Structure formats: structure tokens, C-alpha cells
Amino acid sequence: EVQLVESGGGLVQAGGSLRLSCLASGFTFDDYAIAWFRQAPGKEREGVSCIGRSSSDGITYYADSVKGRFTISRDNAKNTVYLQMDSLKPEDTAVYYCGAPPAPCWNYYSDSGLAIDSVLGRWGPGTLVTVSS
């Protein structure tokens, strides 16, 4: 069974940092891109960042709203993807999810941002990030 479990969320002041982790199982991790998403209260889930399959194909993509502040990375030996979030803003408050889109990241990226409409398996529980002003 495909599973991706998020962790690392918490309460932080504006300008602070958090590092989220996404531990994957149930599929061949190296074969898939991994993306981070977030859903703020009353809003739809949106793509935040995406990383290619491996260190040699680990091209990264970011939504404009987080570009320059968030950094996505992956450790294929640990089946884990990270999201380093710096210079956090109150508008970053959301539940953050990770998922494995069925196609490479570039399929979903355009000037409008990351539009990933499906992921393998079911969504995990997410991890709550709250940024206070």
C-alpha cells in the first residue's frame, strides 16, 4: 500500500524556520517525483514544490509564493523528502501534505505554478504549520 507520512509541523513566529519530512513506503521511491502541497483554512489544496526522481534528476520546482524561501530535497536511501521552510509568513499557515505524482514534475509546472491533480494512493494526515505574526 502506498503511504506517505508527513511530520515536522508546528507553531513558529513570522520570520522563523521549520523543516518538514515526508517518509514514503509501498512503492519504488526512486522511480517517482515527490511534491509538497498545502491547504489553508477555507482554501483548496495547492502545489508548493516538486522534486524529480533522483539526485541526478532532482530538478526542483516551486510555486511563486514560496520561491526563494522554501527548499525541497530528497534522500533516496531513506525514502524521505524534506521541505526546508525559511522566512515563514503568516500566509504560509496551512496543513502541509506530500504526494507522489504519477508523472515528472515538469508535466505540472507552468507560469501559473504547480498544478498537480493526482497522486499515488491516498493523502496522508498532513502536518499543521502555524505561523504567528
C-alpha atoms as a PDB file:
ATOM      1  CA  GLU A   1       0.000   0.000   0.000  1.00  0.00           C
ATOM      2  CA  VAL A   2       1.299   3.423  -0.971  1.00  0.00           C
ATOM      3  CA  GLN A   3       1.887   5.549   2.121  1.00  0.00           C
ATOM      4  CA  LEU A   4       3.424   8.973   2.600  1.00  0.00           C
ATOM      5  CA  VAL A   5       3.521  10.348   6.122  1.00  0.00           C
ATOM      6  CA  GLU A   6       4.332  13.937   6.892  1.00  0.00           C
ATOM      7  CA  SER A   7       5.958  15.300  10.042  1.00  0.00           C
ATOM      8  CA  GLY A   8       7.750  18.350  11.381  1.00  0.00           C
ATOM      9  CA  GLY A   9       4.980  20.909  11.529  1.00  0.00           C
ATOM     10  CA  GLY A  10       4.427  23.230  14.459  1.00  0.00           C
ATOM     11  CA  LEU A  11       3.939  26.772  15.665  1.00  0.00           C
ATOM     12  CA  VAL A  12       6.553  29.320  14.664  1.00  0.00           C
ATOM     13  CA  GLN A  13       6.803  33.097  14.629  1.00  0.00           C
ATOM     14  CA  ALA A  14       6.921  35.020  11.392  1.00  0.00           C
ATOM     15  CA  GLY A  15      10.456  35.004  10.031  1.00  0.00           C
ATOM     16  CA  GLY A  16      11.211  31.648  11.584  1.00  0.00           C
ATOM     17  CA  SER A  17      12.002  28.277  10.028  1.00  0.00           C
ATOM     18  CA  LEU A  18      10.671  24.742  10.008  1.00  0.00           C
ATOM     19  CA  ARG A  19      11.780  21.556   8.293  1.00  0.00           C
ATOM     20  CA  LEU A  20       9.114  19.137   7.171  1.00  0.00           C
ATOM     21  CA  SER A  21       9.770  15.462   6.415  1.00  0.00           C
ATOM     22  CA  CYS A  22       7.860  13.037   4.217  1.00  0.00           C
ATOM     23  CA  LEU A  23       8.518   9.319   4.717  1.00  0.00           C
ATOM     24  CA  ALA A  24       7.326   7.124   1.847  1.00  0.00           C
ATOM     25  CA  SER A  25       6.632   3.399   1.581  1.00  0.00           C
ATOM     26  CA  GLY A  26       4.742   0.914  -0.570  1.00  0.00           C
ATOM     27  CA  PHE A  27       6.197   1.923  -3.939  1.00  0.00           C
ATOM     28  CA  THR A  28       9.570   2.233  -5.640  1.00  0.00           C
ATOM     29  CA  PHE A  29      10.545   5.613  -4.227  1.00  0.00           C
ATOM     30  CA  ASP A  30      13.392   6.257  -6.689  1.00  0.00           C
ATOM     31  CA  ASP A  31      11.018   5.988  -9.662  1.00  0.00           C
ATOM     32  CA  TYR A  32       8.783   8.906  -8.703  1.00  0.00           C
ATOM     33  CA  ALA A  33       8.877  12.628  -8.286  1.00  0.00           C
ATOM     34  CA  ILE A  34       7.613  13.831  -4.919  1.00  0.00           C
ATOM     35  CA  ALA A  35       5.677  17.018  -4.287  1.00  0.00           C
ATOM     36  CA  TRP A  36       4.621  19.094  -1.309  1.00  0.00           C
ATOM     37  CA  PHE A  37       1.162  20.623  -1.146  1.00  0.00           C
ATOM     38  CA  ARG A  38      -0.653  22.784   1.369  1.00  0.00           C
ATOM     39  CA  GLN A  39      -4.226  23.587   2.235  1.00  0.00           C
ATOM     40  CA  ALA A  40      -5.067  26.691   4.195  1.00  0.00           C
ATOM     41  CA  PRO A  41      -8.413  27.039   6.002  1.00  0.00           C
ATOM     42  CA  GLY A  42     -11.207  27.675   3.516  1.00  0.00           C
ATOM     43  CA  LYS A  43      -8.937  27.258   0.502  1.00  0.00           C
ATOM     44  CA  GLU A  44      -8.209  24.499  -1.969  1.00  0.00           C
ATOM     45  CA  ARG A  45      -5.098  22.369  -1.773  1.00  0.00           C
ATOM     46  CA  GLU A  46      -2.253  23.884  -3.809  1.00  0.00           C
ATOM     47  CA  GLY A  47       1.089  22.612  -5.061  1.00  0.00           C
ATOM     48  CA  VAL A  48       4.054  24.150  -3.250  1.00  0.00           C
ATOM     49  CA  SER A  49       7.107  22.346  -4.562  1.00  0.00           C
ATOM     50  CA  CYS A  50       8.156  19.291  -6.557  1.00  0.00           C
ATOM     51  CA  ILE A  51      11.426  17.393  -6.913  1.00  0.00           C
ATOM     52  CA  GLY A  52      12.468  14.956  -9.618  1.00  0.00           C
ATOM     53  CA  ARG A  53      13.147  11.291  -9.114  1.00  0.00           C
ATOM     54  CA  SER A  54      16.806  11.136  -8.102  1.00  0.00           C
ATOM     55  CA  SER A  55      19.862  13.148  -7.294  1.00  0.00           C
ATOM     56  CA  SER A  56      20.747  13.165 -10.997  1.00  0.00           C
ATOM     57  CA  ASP A  57      17.242  14.157 -11.999  1.00  0.00           C
ATOM     58  CA  GLY A  58      16.436  16.116  -8.878  1.00  0.00           C
ATOM     59  CA  ILE A  59      15.254  19.202 -10.675  1.00  0.00           C
ATOM     60  CA  THR A  60      13.138  21.309  -8.341  1.00  0.00           C
ATOM     61  CA  TYR A  61      10.076  23.433  -8.920  1.00  0.00           C
ATOM     62  CA  TYR A  62       8.414  25.962  -6.646  1.00  0.00           C
ATOM     63  CA  ALA A  63       5.234  27.968  -6.509  1.00  0.00           C
ATOM     64  CA  ASP A  64       5.971  31.683  -6.844  1.00  0.00           C
ATOM     65  CA  SER A  65       4.664  32.287  -3.337  1.00  0.00           C
ATOM     66  CA  VAL A  66       7.463  30.230  -1.760  1.00  0.00           C
ATOM     67  CA  LYS A  67      10.297  30.652  -4.275  1.00  0.00           C
ATOM     68  CA  GLY A  68      13.485  31.781  -2.557  1.00  0.00           C
ATOM     69  CA  ARG A  69      12.177  30.826   0.908  1.00  0.00           C
ATOM     70  CA  PHE A  70      11.476  27.084   0.678  1.00  0.00           C
ATOM     71  CA  THR A  71      13.908  24.357  -0.384  1.00  0.00           C
ATOM     72  CA  ILE A  72      12.888  20.826  -1.308  1.00  0.00           C
ATOM     73  CA  SER A  73      15.342  17.922  -1.159  1.00  0.00           C
ATOM     74  CA  ARG A  74      15.273  14.149  -1.088  1.00  0.00           C
ATOM     75  CA  ASP A  75      17.273  11.281   0.391  1.00  0.00           C
ATOM     76  CA  ASN A  76      16.508   8.190  -1.673  1.00  0.00           C
ATOM     77  CA  ALA A  77      18.400   5.956   0.781  1.00  0.00           C
ATOM     78  CA  LYS A  78      15.881   6.936   3.447  1.00  0.00           C
ATOM     79  CA  ASN A  79      12.787   7.147   1.216  1.00  0.00           C
ATOM     80  CA  THR A  80      12.358  10.666   2.550  1.00  0.00           C
ATOM     81  CA  VAL A  81      11.714  14.090   1.088  1.00  0.00           C
ATOM     82  CA  TYR A  82      12.249  17.289   3.051  1.00  0.00           C
ATOM     83  CA  LEU A  83      10.874  20.791   2.811  1.00  0.00           C
ATOM     84  CA  GLN A  84      13.043  23.427   4.469  1.00  0.00           C
ATOM     85  CA  MET A  85      10.898  26.484   5.077  1.00  0.00           C
ATOM     86  CA  ASP A  86      12.630  29.745   5.939  1.00  0.00           C
ATOM     87  CA  SER A  87      11.401  33.319   6.349  1.00  0.00           C
ATOM     88  CA  LEU A  88       7.954  31.984   7.144  1.00  0.00           C
ATOM     89  CA  LYS A  89       4.971  34.288   6.807  1.00  0.00           C
ATOM     90  CA  PRO A  90       1.505  34.104   8.401  1.00  0.00           C
ATOM     91  CA  GLU A  91       0.099  33.305   4.959  1.00  0.00           C
ATOM     92  CA  ASP A  92       2.142  30.079   4.984  1.00  0.00           C
ATOM     93  CA  THR A  93      -0.181  28.757   7.709  1.00  0.00           C
ATOM     94  CA  ALA A  94      -1.736  25.553   6.376  1.00  0.00           C
ATOM     95  CA  VAL A  95      -1.785  21.788   6.607  1.00  0.00           C
ATOM     96  CA  TYR A  96       1.109  20.516   4.514  1.00  0.00           C
ATOM     97  CA  TYR A  97       0.897  17.241   2.596  1.00  0.00           C
ATOM     98  CA  CYS A  98       3.294  15.297   0.414  1.00  0.00           C
ATOM     99  CA  GLY A  99       2.422  13.070  -2.512  1.00  0.00           C
ATOM    100  CA  ALA A 100       3.895  11.209  -5.465  1.00  0.00           C
ATOM    101  CA  PRO A 101       2.504  12.500  -8.756  1.00  0.00           C
ATOM    102  CA  PRO A 102       2.337   9.847 -11.477  1.00  0.00           C
ATOM    103  CA  ALA A 103       4.357  11.921 -13.984  1.00  0.00           C
ATOM    104  CA  PRO A 104       7.551  14.003 -13.726  1.00  0.00           C
ATOM    105  CA  CYS A 105       7.306  17.454 -12.126  1.00  0.00           C
ATOM    106  CA  TRP A 106       7.716  19.307 -15.400  1.00  0.00           C
ATOM    107  CA  ASN A 107       4.382  17.934 -16.606  1.00  0.00           C
ATOM    108  CA  TYR A 108       2.642  20.026 -13.986  1.00  0.00           C
ATOM    109  CA  TYR A 109       4.656  23.249 -13.947  1.00  0.00           C
ATOM    110  CA  SER A 110       3.767  26.387 -15.883  1.00  0.00           C
ATOM    111  CA  ASP A 111       3.790  30.133 -15.425  1.00  0.00           C
ATOM    112  CA  SER A 112       0.654  29.601 -13.361  1.00  0.00           C
ATOM    113  CA  GLY A 113       2.526  27.408 -10.897  1.00  0.00           C
ATOM    114  CA  LEU A 114       2.304  23.746  -9.960  1.00  0.00           C
ATOM    115  CA  ALA A 115      -0.988  22.141 -10.988  1.00  0.00           C
ATOM    116  CA  ILE A 116      -0.771  18.553  -9.738  1.00  0.00           C
ATOM    117  CA  ASP A 117      -4.195  16.970  -9.898  1.00  0.00           C
ATOM    118  CA  SER A 118      -3.465  13.461  -8.702  1.00  0.00           C
ATOM    119  CA  VAL A 119      -1.015  11.477  -6.599  1.00  0.00           C
ATOM    120  CA  LEU A 120      -0.409   7.801  -5.953  1.00  0.00           C
ATOM    121  CA  GLY A 121      -2.550   6.269  -3.232  1.00  0.00           C
ATOM    122  CA  ARG A 122      -4.428   8.301  -0.661  1.00  0.00           C
ATOM    123  CA  TRP A 123      -3.469  11.537   1.006  1.00  0.00           C
ATOM    124  CA  GLY A 124      -1.672  11.228   4.314  1.00  0.00           C
ATOM    125  CA  PRO A 125      -2.728  13.011   7.513  1.00  0.00           C
ATOM    126  CA  GLY A 126      -0.647  16.084   6.743  1.00  0.00           C
ATOM    127  CA  THR A 127       1.259  18.200   9.226  1.00  0.00           C
ATOM    128  CA  LEU A 128      -0.005  21.537  10.512  1.00  0.00           C
ATOM    129  CA  VAL A 129       2.178  24.604  10.160  1.00  0.00           C
ATOM    130  CA  THR A 130       1.045  27.701  12.020  1.00  0.00           C
ATOM    131  CA  VAL A 131       2.934  30.967  11.587  1.00  0.00           C
ATOM    132  CA  SER A 132       2.093  33.686  14.070  1.00  0.00           C
ATOM    133  CA  SER A 133       2.543  37.365  13.293  1.00  0.00           C
END
